Amino acid sequence: MDEKDCLILQYLYKDPNLTKAAEHFYMTQPALTYRLRQIEKEFQIQIFSKNGKNIKITPAGEYIVGYAKKMLTDLRSTKEYLLNMGNEVQGNFKIGVSSNFGLYELPSILEYLMNQYPKVHVNVDTGFSTEMIDLLIEGEIDVAIVKGDYNWSDQKYLLNEENICLISKNEMDLEQLPNYPMINRKEPAVLMKYKNVSSSPLDKSIDRWWDERYDQPPFISMQVDSYETCKEMVKKGLGYAIIPRAFIHEMDELTSHDLIFKDGQELKRRTWMIYRESSLQLATVSTIVNYIKKRY
């Protein structure tokens, strides 16, 4: 089984359609089918089974796909290592960042890297922080930049931190906060179900702050999917919200209070760069990681 075989298996695992796969790899369908039969012959197993006009991967096939993925990762690492044995920074660099960081910070970082290191090909993924951590664990990216305090046993570097604050259109009696309508930013249900958790690390910290002060839950009148939406609702006087201070600007003309625990510790949301120590053996990864550290 060679590199192309591995790529074919990866493609079919995500989209089990022989016609599309043949077109993607510029092959005839009979040639693709023959190649799959050769892989099955090599391992003496059945990788795919017929399911009407479609194909379905077998349990043994899922194992082979995992093996193919590891082969591709090892092959890429070997190529990158050999390519970076010299002094010139070149090759591929894969980074995954949280959506907000991707919007406000990443473009200027990429602009510098592409001008400074024209032989580096940067591949970018953006999305939820939990998704970026998964990509790093699976070896799909070299570096992840995430918001929030997640468990990561390898290397991590604090890029910045921002206070979490309560915002309202007018001054409020904080002692009566449970009686006011709250506009709550919630994590997408699909993401929570996928991670099999009920709340994010930031939500848990906010809950802890609340439980220190109040013996009844907040009166949540709205559930929205972004901090920007929370802020716009607050500006219309529809309730209060708890959001990172980075989303507030002077022109918003809102009242704000930083959340502080009773022990005096401020509630903050941190942005981390996380990566593996072993990946620093590659000159490209090492150079870019060091640049991002100096920048922040």
C-alpha atoms as a PDB file:
ATOM      1  CA  MET A   1       0.000   0.000   0.000  1.00  0.00           C
ATOM      2  CA  ASP A   2       1.569   3.282  -1.114  1.00  0.00           C
ATOM      3  CA  GLU A   3       0.819   6.974  -0.503  1.00  0.00           C
ATOM      4  CA  LYS A   4      -1.880   7.183  -3.182  1.00  0.00           C
ATOM      5  CA  ASP A   5      -3.615   4.117  -1.749  1.00  0.00           C
ATOM      6  CA  CYS A   6      -3.697   5.819   1.633  1.00  0.00           C
ATOM      7  CA  LEU A   7      -5.167   8.982   0.128  1.00  0.00           C
ATOM      8  CA  ILE A   8      -7.836   6.959  -1.687  1.00  0.00           C
ATOM      9  CA  LEU A   9      -8.856   5.194   1.525  1.00  0.00           C
ATOM     10  CA  GLN A  10      -9.030   8.514   3.386  1.00  0.00           C
ATOM     11  CA  TYR A  11     -11.212  10.033   0.676  1.00  0.00           C
ATOM     12  CA  LEU A  12     -13.606   7.068   0.519  1.00  0.00           C
ATOM     13  CA  TYR A  13     -13.901   6.998   4.309  1.00  0.00           C
ATOM     14  CA  LYS A  14     -15.226  10.577   4.245  1.00  0.00           C
ATOM     15  CA  ASP A  15     -17.314  10.132   1.072  1.00  0.00           C
ATOM     16  CA  PRO A  16     -18.000   6.470   0.140  1.00  0.00           C
ATOM     17  CA  ASN A  17     -18.740   7.162  -3.518  1.00  0.00           C
ATOM     18  CA  LEU A  18     -16.583   5.343  -6.084  1.00  0.00           C
ATOM     19  CA  THR A  19     -17.548   7.633  -8.963  1.00  0.00           C
ATOM     20  CA  LYS A  20     -16.574  10.811  -7.106  1.00  0.00           C
ATOM     21  CA  ALA A  21     -13.363   9.210  -5.828  1.00  0.00           C
ATOM     22  CA  ALA A  22     -12.353   8.107  -9.334  1.00  0.00           C
ATOM     23  CA  GLU A  23     -12.928  11.633 -10.654  1.00  0.00           C
ATOM     24  CA  HIS A  24     -11.019  13.158  -7.739  1.00  0.00           C
ATOM     25  CA  PHE A  25      -7.947  10.994  -8.407  1.00  0.00           C
ATOM     26  CA  TYR A  26      -8.239  11.206 -12.209  1.00  0.00           C
ATOM     27  CA  MET A  27      -8.816   7.469 -12.536  1.00  0.00           C
ATOM     28  CA  THR A  28     -11.399   5.279 -14.215  1.00  0.00           C
ATOM     29  CA  GLN A  29     -13.793   3.561 -11.833  1.00  0.00           C
ATOM     30  CA  PRO A  30     -12.580   0.067 -12.853  1.00  0.00           C
ATOM     31  CA  ALA A  31      -8.989   1.140 -12.143  1.00  0.00           C
ATOM     32  CA  LEU A  32     -10.017   2.440  -8.732  1.00  0.00           C
ATOM     33  CA  THR A  33     -11.916  -0.756  -7.938  1.00  0.00           C
ATOM     34  CA  TYR A  34      -8.911  -2.844  -8.994  1.00  0.00           C
ATOM     35  CA  ARG A  35      -6.681  -0.805  -6.689  1.00  0.00           C
ATOM     36  CA  LEU A  36      -9.016  -1.401  -3.759  1.00  0.00           C
ATOM     37  CA  ARG A  37      -9.092  -5.134  -4.499  1.00  0.00           C
ATOM     38  CA  GLN A  38      -5.285  -5.188  -4.425  1.00  0.00           C
ATOM     39  CA  ILE A  39      -5.270  -3.569  -1.000  1.00  0.00           C
ATOM     40  CA  GLU A  40      -7.796  -6.122   0.237  1.00  0.00           C
ATOM     41  CA  LYS A  41      -5.657  -8.892  -1.223  1.00  0.00           C
ATOM     42  CA  GLU A  42      -2.565  -7.524   0.510  1.00  0.00           C
ATOM     43  CA  PHE A  43      -4.237  -7.495   3.934  1.00  0.00           C
ATOM     44  CA  GLN A  44      -6.551 -10.458   3.239  1.00  0.00           C
ATOM     45  CA  ILE A  45      -9.636  -8.593   4.437  1.00  0.00           C
ATOM     46  CA  GLN A  46     -12.699  -6.890   2.974  1.00  0.00           C
ATOM     47  CA  ILE A  47     -12.440  -3.116   3.292  1.00  0.00           C
ATOM     48  CA  PHE A  48     -15.733  -2.060   1.697  1.00  0.00           C
ATOM     49  CA  SER A  49     -19.029  -3.863   1.215  1.00  0.00           C
ATOM     50  CA  LYS A  50     -21.728  -3.109  -1.348  1.00  0.00           C
ATOM     51  CA  ASN A  51     -24.777  -1.262  -0.048  1.00  0.00           C
ATOM     52  CA  GLY A  52     -27.019  -0.888  -3.088  1.00  0.00           C
ATOM     53  CA  LYS A  53     -25.355   1.659  -5.356  1.00  0.00           C
ATOM     54  CA  ASN A  54     -23.156   2.824  -2.519  1.00  0.00           C
ATOM     55  CA  ILE A  55     -20.344   1.192  -0.567  1.00  0.00           C
ATOM     56  CA  LYS A  56     -19.999   0.848   3.175  1.00  0.00           C
ATOM     57  CA  ILE A  57     -16.771   0.507   5.130  1.00  0.00           C
ATOM     58  CA  THR A  58     -16.333  -2.647   7.209  1.00  0.00           C
ATOM     59  CA  PRO A  59     -14.920  -2.706  10.784  1.00  0.00           C
ATOM     60  CA  ALA A  60     -11.666  -4.116   9.388  1.00  0.00           C
ATOM     61  CA  GLY A  61     -11.717  -1.359   6.796  1.00  0.00           C
ATOM     62  CA  GLU A  62     -11.981   1.293   9.507  1.00  0.00           C
ATOM     63  CA  TYR A  63      -8.843  -0.130  11.093  1.00  0.00           C
ATOM     64  CA  ILE A  64      -6.987  -0.012   7.764  1.00  0.00           C
ATOM     65  CA  VAL A  65      -8.118   3.593   7.240  1.00  0.00           C
ATOM     66  CA  GLY A  66      -6.621   4.466  10.630  1.00  0.00           C
ATOM     67  CA  TYR A  67      -3.400   2.750   9.612  1.00  0.00           C
ATOM     68  CA  ALA A  68      -3.406   4.663   6.303  1.00  0.00           C
ATOM     69  CA  LYS A  69      -3.871   7.945   8.175  1.00  0.00           C
ATOM     70  CA  LYS A  70      -0.896   7.172  10.402  1.00  0.00           C
ATOM     71  CA  MET A  71       1.196   6.256   7.357  1.00  0.00           C
ATOM     72  CA  LEU A  72       0.400   9.606   5.717  1.00  0.00           C
ATOM     73  CA  THR A  73       1.227  11.501   8.912  1.00  0.00           C
ATOM     74  CA  ASP A  74       4.544   9.677   9.311  1.00  0.00           C
ATOM     75  CA  LEU A  75       5.385  10.192   5.645  1.00  0.00           C
ATOM     76  CA  ARG A  76       4.653  13.902   5.837  1.00  0.00           C
ATOM     77  CA  SER A  77       6.723  14.261   9.009  1.00  0.00           C
ATOM     78  CA  THR A  78       9.648  12.466   7.361  1.00  0.00           C
ATOM     79  CA  LYS A  79       9.468  14.650   4.260  1.00  0.00           C
ATOM     80  CA  GLU A  80       9.215  17.807   6.360  1.00  0.00           C
ATOM     81  CA  TYR A  81      12.108  16.744   8.575  1.00  0.00           C
ATOM     82  CA  LEU A  82      14.383  16.027   5.625  1.00  0.00           C
ATOM     83  CA  LEU A  83      13.320  19.230   3.898  1.00  0.00           C
ATOM     84  CA  ASN A  84      14.080  21.266   7.011  1.00  0.00           C
ATOM     85  CA  MET A  85      17.483  19.768   7.742  1.00  0.00           C
ATOM     86  CA  GLY A  86      19.050  22.769   6.030  1.00  0.00           C
ATOM     87  CA  ASN A  87      19.022  26.356   7.263  1.00  0.00           C
ATOM     88  CA  GLU A  88      16.315  27.551   4.879  1.00  0.00           C
ATOM     89  CA  VAL A  89      12.783  27.702   6.258  1.00  0.00           C
ATOM     90  CA  GLN A  90      10.548  25.986   3.731  1.00  0.00           C
ATOM     91  CA  GLY A  91       7.835  23.365   3.361  1.00  0.00           C
ATOM     92  CA  ASN A  92       4.290  23.094   4.738  1.00  0.00           C
ATOM     93  CA  PHE A  93       3.012  24.591   7.974  1.00  0.00           C
ATOM     94  CA  LYS A  94      -0.476  23.764   9.219  1.00  0.00           C
ATOM     95  CA  ILE A  95      -2.154  25.919  11.840  1.00  0.00           C
ATOM     96  CA  GLY A  96      -5.624  25.795  13.368  1.00  0.00           C
ATOM     97  CA  VAL A  97      -7.063  28.818  15.192  1.00  0.00           C
ATOM     98  CA  SER A  98     -10.265  29.762  16.961  1.00  0.00           C
ATOM     99  CA  SER A  99     -12.681  31.789  14.833  1.00  0.00           C
ATOM    100  CA  ASN A 100     -12.193  35.140  16.586  1.00  0.00           C
ATOM    101  CA  PHE A 101      -8.420  34.883  16.492  1.00  0.00           C
ATOM    102  CA  GLY A 102      -8.669  33.938  12.835  1.00  0.00           C
ATOM    103  CA  LEU A 103     -10.706  37.067  12.152  1.00  0.00           C
ATOM    104  CA  TYR A 104      -8.773  39.682  14.106  1.00  0.00           C
ATOM    105  CA  GLU A 105      -5.189  38.436  14.552  1.00  0.00           C
ATOM    106  CA  LEU A 106      -4.273  35.750  12.027  1.00  0.00           C
ATOM    107  CA  PRO A 107      -4.323  37.828   8.785  1.00  0.00           C
ATOM    108  CA  SER A 108      -1.454  40.088   9.869  1.00  0.00           C
ATOM    109  CA  ILE A 109       0.545  37.089  11.132  1.00  0.00           C
ATOM    110  CA  LEU A 110       0.135  35.312   7.793  1.00  0.00           C
ATOM    111  CA  GLU A 111       1.028  38.456   5.875  1.00  0.00           C
ATOM    112  CA  TYR A 112       4.356  38.654   7.695  1.00  0.00           C
ATOM    113  CA  LEU A 113       5.117  34.945   7.326  1.00  0.00           C
ATOM    114  CA  MET A 114       4.382  34.850   3.618  1.00  0.00           C
ATOM    115  CA  ASN A 115       6.530  37.905   2.964  1.00  0.00           C
ATOM    116  CA  GLN A 116       9.362  36.716   5.181  1.00  0.00           C
ATOM    117  CA  TYR A 117       9.320  33.042   4.191  1.00  0.00           C
ATOM    118  CA  PRO A 118       8.007  32.723   0.610  1.00  0.00           C
ATOM    119  CA  LYS A 119       8.920  29.021   0.440  1.00  0.00           C
ATOM    120  CA  VAL A 120       6.619  28.152   3.330  1.00  0.00           C
ATOM    121  CA  HIS A 121       3.137  26.972   2.342  1.00  0.00           C
ATOM    122  CA  VAL A 122       0.702  27.783   5.143  1.00  0.00           C
ATOM    123  CA  ASN A 123      -2.514  25.771   5.519  1.00  0.00           C
ATOM    124  CA  VAL A 124      -5.168  27.232   7.821  1.00  0.00           C
ATOM    125  CA  ASP A 125      -8.163  25.776   9.655  1.00  0.00           C
ATOM    126  CA  THR A 126     -10.505  27.950  11.715  1.00  0.00           C
ATOM    127  CA  GLY A 127     -13.402  26.985  13.951  1.00  0.00           C
ATOM    128  CA  PHE A 128     -14.248  26.216  17.552  1.00  0.00           C
ATOM    129  CA  SER A 129     -11.312  25.813  19.928  1.00  0.00           C
ATOM    130  CA  THR A 130     -12.309  22.230  20.746  1.00  0.00           C
ATOM    131  CA  GLU A 131     -12.190  21.380  17.041  1.00  0.00           C
ATOM    132  CA  MET A 132      -8.682  22.820  16.738  1.00  0.00           C
ATOM    133  CA  ILE A 133      -7.493  20.746  19.698  1.00  0.00           C
ATOM    134  CA  ASP A 134      -8.878  17.614  18.052  1.00  0.00           C
ATOM    135  CA  LEU A 135      -7.026  18.451  14.811  1.00  0.00           C
ATOM    136  CA  LEU A 136      -3.793  18.831  16.770  1.00  0.00           C
ATOM    137  CA  ILE A 137      -4.318  15.543  18.602  1.00  0.00           C
ATOM    138  CA  GLU A 138      -4.973  13.783  15.296  1.00  0.00           C
ATOM    139  CA  GLY A 139      -1.821  15.243  13.728  1.00  0.00           C
ATOM    140  CA  GLU A 140      -3.753  17.277  11.147  1.00  0.00           C
ATOM    141  CA  ILE A 141      -2.108  20.558  12.204  1.00  0.00           C
ATOM    142  CA  ASP A 142       1.249  21.588  13.678  1.00  0.00           C
ATOM    143  CA  VAL A 143       0.019  24.366  15.973  1.00  0.00           C
ATOM    144  CA  ALA A 144      -3.345  25.304  17.480  1.00  0.00           C
ATOM    145  CA  ILE A 145      -4.344  28.688  18.870  1.00  0.00           C
ATOM    146  CA  VAL A 146      -7.354  28.333  21.158  1.00  0.00           C
ATOM    147  CA  LYS A 147      -9.382  30.458  23.550  1.00  0.00           C
ATOM    148  CA  GLY A 148     -10.049  28.987  26.975  1.00  0.00           C
ATOM    149  CA  ASP A 149      -8.242  26.779  29.466  1.00  0.00           C
ATOM    150  CA  TYR A 150      -8.248  23.264  28.022  1.00  0.00           C
ATOM    151  CA  ASN A 151      -6.273  20.257  29.233  1.00  0.00           C
ATOM    152  CA  TRP A 152      -3.125  19.831  27.119  1.00  0.00           C
ATOM    153  CA  SER A 153      -0.181  17.853  28.448  1.00  0.00           C
ATOM    154  CA  ASP A 154       2.455  19.050  25.945  1.00  0.00           C
ATOM    155  CA  GLN A 155       3.729  22.558  25.152  1.00  0.00           C
ATOM    156  CA  LYS A 156       1.549  25.654  25.590  1.00  0.00           C
ATOM    157  CA  TYR A 157       2.248  29.384  25.519  1.00  0.00           C
ATOM    158  CA  LEU A 158      -0.031  32.151  26.807  1.00  0.00           C
ATOM    159  CA  LEU A 159      -0.604  34.719  24.048  1.00  0.00           C
ATOM    160  CA  ASN A 160      -3.010  37.033  25.854  1.00  0.00           C
ATOM    161  CA  GLU A 161      -5.825  37.180  28.356  1.00  0.00           C
ATOM    162  CA  GLU A 162      -8.916  39.340  28.626  1.00  0.00           C
ATOM    163  CA  ASN A 163     -11.299  40.108  31.455  1.00  0.00           C
ATOM    164  CA  ILE A 164     -14.824  38.727  31.466  1.00  0.00           C
ATOM    165  CA  CYS A 165     -17.359  41.387  32.327  1.00  0.00           C
ATOM    166  CA  LEU A 166     -21.033  42.010  32.873  1.00  0.00           C
ATOM    167  CA  ILE A 167     -22.516  44.613  30.517  1.00  0.00           C
ATOM    168  CA  SER A 168     -25.793  46.528  30.626  1.00  0.00           C
ATOM    169  CA  LYS A 169     -27.262  49.622  28.985  1.00  0.00           C
ATOM    170  CA  ASN A 170     -27.736  51.361  32.318  1.00  0.00           C
ATOM    171  CA  GLU A 171     -26.307  50.877  35.803  1.00  0.00           C
ATOM    172  CA  MET A 172     -27.847  47.909  37.614  1.00  0.00           C
ATOM    173  CA  ASP A 173     -28.224  46.828  41.228  1.00  0.00           C
ATOM    174  CA  LEU A 174     -25.962  43.762  41.155  1.00  0.00           C
ATOM    175  CA  GLU A 175     -27.548  42.443  44.344  1.00  0.00           C
ATOM    176  CA  GLN A 176     -30.767  42.029  42.347  1.00  0.00           C
ATOM    177  CA  LEU A 177     -29.068  40.520  39.295  1.00  0.00           C
ATOM    178  CA  PRO A 178     -31.042  37.215  39.370  1.00  0.00           C
ATOM    179  CA  ASN A 179     -34.231  39.242  38.799  1.00  0.00           C
ATOM    180  CA  TYR A 180     -33.006  40.917  35.608  1.00  0.00           C
ATOM    181  CA  PRO A 181     -33.262  39.252  32.175  1.00  0.00           C
ATOM    182  CA  MET A 182     -29.991  37.750  30.984  1.00  0.00           C
ATOM    183  CA  ILE A 183     -28.959  37.420  27.343  1.00  0.00           C
ATOM    184  CA  ASN A 184     -26.815  34.317  27.312  1.00  0.00           C
ATOM    185  CA  ARG A 185     -24.274  33.252  24.727  1.00  0.00           C
ATOM    186  CA  LYS A 186     -24.406  29.481  24.515  1.00  0.00           C
ATOM    187  CA  GLU A 187     -22.110  26.925  22.940  1.00  0.00           C
ATOM    188  CA  PRO A 188     -23.637  25.208  19.880  1.00  0.00           C
ATOM    189  CA  ALA A 189     -25.618  22.123  20.917  1.00  0.00           C
ATOM    190  CA  VAL A 190     -24.002  20.048  18.186  1.00  0.00           C
ATOM    191  CA  LEU A 191     -20.534  20.829  19.535  1.00  0.00           C
ATOM    192  CA  MET A 192     -21.505  20.017  23.119  1.00  0.00           C
ATOM    193  CA  LYS A 193     -23.055  16.724  22.027  1.00  0.00           C
ATOM    194  CA  TYR A 194     -19.981  15.881  19.989  1.00  0.00           C
ATOM    195  CA  LYS A 195     -17.662  16.530  22.951  1.00  0.00           C
ATOM    196  CA  ASN A 196     -20.105  14.871  25.376  1.00  0.00           C
ATOM    197  CA  VAL A 197     -19.941  17.840  27.780  1.00  0.00           C
ATOM    198  CA  SER A 198     -22.582  20.201  29.121  1.00  0.00           C
ATOM    199  CA  SER A 199     -20.585  23.451  29.133  1.00  0.00           C
ATOM    200  CA  SER A 200     -17.314  25.060  28.091  1.00  0.00           C
ATOM    201  CA  PRO A 201     -14.443  25.898  30.517  1.00  0.00           C
ATOM    202  CA  LEU A 202     -15.461  29.580  30.435  1.00  0.00           C
ATOM    203  CA  ASP A 203     -19.111  28.761  31.168  1.00  0.00           C
ATOM    204  CA  LYS A 204     -18.010  26.693  34.168  1.00  0.00           C
ATOM    205  CA  SER A 205     -15.962  29.625  35.512  1.00  0.00           C
ATOM    206  CA  ILE A 206     -18.908  32.005  35.084  1.00  0.00           C
ATOM    207  CA  ASP A 207     -21.146  29.510  36.887  1.00  0.00           C
ATOM    208  CA  ARG A 208     -18.650  29.377  39.758  1.00  0.00           C
ATOM    209  CA  TRP A 209     -18.609  33.183  39.987  1.00  0.00           C
ATOM    210  CA  TRP A 210     -22.421  33.240  40.022  1.00  0.00           C
ATOM    211  CA  ASP A 211     -22.738  30.505  42.667  1.00  0.00           C
ATOM    212  CA  GLU A 212     -20.433  32.484  44.994  1.00  0.00           C
ATOM    213  CA  ARG A 213     -22.948  35.332  45.040  1.00  0.00           C
ATOM    214  CA  TYR A 214     -26.428  34.068  44.398  1.00  0.00           C
ATOM    215  CA  ASP A 215     -28.567  31.203  45.660  1.00  0.00           C
ATOM    216  CA  GLN A 216     -30.833  31.164  42.599  1.00  0.00           C
ATOM    217  CA  PRO A 217     -30.029  30.700  38.897  1.00  0.00           C
ATOM    218  CA  PRO A 218     -29.987  33.579  36.405  1.00  0.00           C
ATOM    219  CA  PHE A 219     -33.194  34.544  34.625  1.00  0.00           C
ATOM    220  CA  ILE A 220     -32.165  33.712  31.042  1.00  0.00           C
ATOM    221  CA  SER A 221     -34.542  35.407  28.619  1.00  0.00           C
ATOM    222  CA  MET A 222     -32.552  34.838  25.420  1.00  0.00           C
ATOM    223  CA  GLN A 223     -30.059  32.251  24.148  1.00  0.00           C
ATOM    224  CA  VAL A 224     -27.883  33.489  21.277  1.00  0.00           C
ATOM    225  CA  ASP A 225     -24.895  32.071  19.404  1.00  0.00           C
ATOM    226  CA  SER A 226     -22.382  34.942  19.530  1.00  0.00           C
ATOM    227  CA  TYR A 227     -21.032  37.604  21.862  1.00  0.00           C
ATOM    228  CA  GLU A 228     -21.685  40.260  19.216  1.00  0.00           C
ATOM    229  CA  THR A 229     -25.391  39.387  19.284  1.00  0.00           C
ATOM    230  CA  CYS A 230     -25.373  39.562  23.089  1.00  0.00           C
ATOM    231  CA  LYS A 231     -23.922  43.047  22.956  1.00  0.00           C
ATOM    232  CA  GLU A 232     -26.403  44.326  20.359  1.00  0.00           C
ATOM    233  CA  MET A 233     -29.319  43.038  22.430  1.00  0.00           C
ATOM    234  CA  VAL A 234     -27.933  44.764  25.527  1.00  0.00           C
ATOM    235  CA  LYS A 235     -27.555  48.045  23.608  1.00  0.00           C
ATOM    236  CA  LYS A 236     -31.304  47.920  22.943  1.00  0.00           C
ATOM    237  CA  GLY A 237     -31.992  47.601  26.670  1.00  0.00           C
ATOM    238  CA  LEU A 238     -33.270  44.023  26.443  1.00  0.00           C
ATOM    239  CA  GLY A 239     -31.205  42.711  29.345  1.00  0.00           C
ATOM    240  CA  TYR A 240     -27.638  42.225  30.549  1.00  0.00           C
ATOM    241  CA  ALA A 241     -24.932  39.861  29.288  1.00  0.00           C
ATOM    242  CA  ILE A 242     -21.600  38.419  30.388  1.00  0.00           C
ATOM    243  CA  ILE A 243     -18.983  38.618  27.639  1.00  0.00           C
ATOM    244  CA  PRO A 244     -15.198  39.065  27.146  1.00  0.00           C
ATOM    245  CA  ARG A 245     -14.148  42.709  27.397  1.00  0.00           C
ATOM    246  CA  ALA A 246     -12.507  42.551  23.966  1.00  0.00           C
ATOM    247  CA  PHE A 247     -15.975  42.758  22.399  1.00  0.00           C
ATOM    248  CA  ILE A 248     -16.759  46.119  24.061  1.00  0.00           C
ATOM    249  CA  HIS A 249     -15.799  49.468  22.523  1.00  0.00           C
ATOM    250  CA  GLU A 250     -16.086  53.000  23.844  1.00  0.00           C
ATOM    251  CA  MET A 251     -18.645  53.900  21.191  1.00  0.00           C
ATOM    252  CA  ASP A 252     -20.979  51.204  22.531  1.00  0.00           C
ATOM    253  CA  GLU A 253     -21.717  53.409  25.565  1.00  0.00           C
ATOM    254  CA  LEU A 254     -22.391  50.470  27.860  1.00  0.00           C
ATOM    255  CA  THR A 255     -21.941  50.035  31.595  1.00  0.00           C
ATOM    256  CA  SER A 256     -19.539  47.217  32.453  1.00  0.00           C
ATOM    257  CA  HIS A 257     -18.212  45.439  35.539  1.00  0.00           C
ATOM    258  CA  ASP A 258     -15.330  42.962  35.506  1.00  0.00           C
ATOM    259  CA  LEU A 259     -16.200  39.658  37.153  1.00  0.00           C
ATOM    260  CA  ILE A 260     -14.065  39.107  40.259  1.00  0.00           C
ATOM    261  CA  PHE A 261     -14.150  36.075  42.544  1.00  0.00           C
ATOM    262  CA  LYS A 262     -14.432  36.627  46.268  1.00  0.00           C
ATOM    263  CA  ASP A 263     -10.755  35.775  46.701  1.00  0.00           C
ATOM    264  CA  GLY A 264      -9.900  38.766  44.499  1.00  0.00           C
ATOM    265  CA  GLN A 265      -9.026  36.765  41.383  1.00  0.00           C
ATOM    266  CA  GLU A 266     -10.306  38.246  38.132  1.00  0.00           C
ATOM    267  CA  LEU A 267     -12.220  35.997  35.761  1.00  0.00           C
ATOM    268  CA  LYS A 268     -10.332  35.964  32.471  1.00  0.00           C
ATOM    269  CA  ARG A 269     -10.449  34.216  29.120  1.00  0.00           C
ATOM    270  CA  ARG A 270      -6.995  33.189  27.957  1.00  0.00           C
ATOM    271  CA  THR A 271      -5.677  32.589  24.465  1.00  0.00           C
ATOM    272  CA  TRP A 272      -3.104  29.795  24.215  1.00  0.00           C
ATOM    273  CA  MET A 273      -0.788  28.556  21.508  1.00  0.00           C
ATOM    274  CA  ILE A 274      -0.416  24.806  21.924  1.00  0.00           C
ATOM    275  CA  TYR A 275       1.848  22.383  20.090  1.00  0.00           C
ATOM    276  CA  ARG A 276       4.048  19.338  20.529  1.00  0.00           C
ATOM    277  CA  GLU A 277       7.653  19.640  21.674  1.00  0.00           C
ATOM    278  CA  SER A 278       8.647  17.090  19.024  1.00  0.00           C
ATOM    279  CA  SER A 279       7.321  19.294  16.213  1.00  0.00           C
ATOM    280  CA  LEU A 280       9.976  21.913  17.002  1.00  0.00           C
ATOM    281  CA  GLN A 281      12.515  19.612  15.340  1.00  0.00           C
ATOM    282  CA  LEU A 282      11.157  21.017  12.079  1.00  0.00           C
ATOM    283  CA  ALA A 283      12.784  24.349  11.261  1.00  0.00           C
ATOM    284  CA  THR A 284       9.564  25.726   9.820  1.00  0.00           C
ATOM    285  CA  VAL A 285       7.482  24.977  12.920  1.00  0.00           C
ATOM    286  CA  SER A 286      10.206  26.162  15.284  1.00  0.00           C
ATOM    287  CA  THR A 287      10.685  29.453  13.412  1.00  0.00           C
ATOM    288  CA  ILE A 288       6.982  30.283  13.247  1.00  0.00           C
ATOM    289  CA  VAL A 289       6.304  29.296  16.866  1.00  0.00           C
ATOM    290  CA  ASN A 290       9.159  31.543  18.024  1.00  0.00           C
ATOM    291  CA  TYR A 291       7.875  34.420  15.880  1.00  0.00           C
ATOM    292  CA  ILE A 292       4.382  34.149  17.378  1.00  0.00           C
ATOM    293  CA  LYS A 293       5.879  34.072  20.884  1.00  0.00           C
ATOM    294  CA  LYS A 294       7.864  37.268  20.224  1.00  0.00           C
ATOM    295  CA  ARG A 295       4.828  38.959  18.699  1.00  0.00           C
ATOM    296  CA  TYR A 296       2.812  38.399  21.881  1.00  0.00           C
END
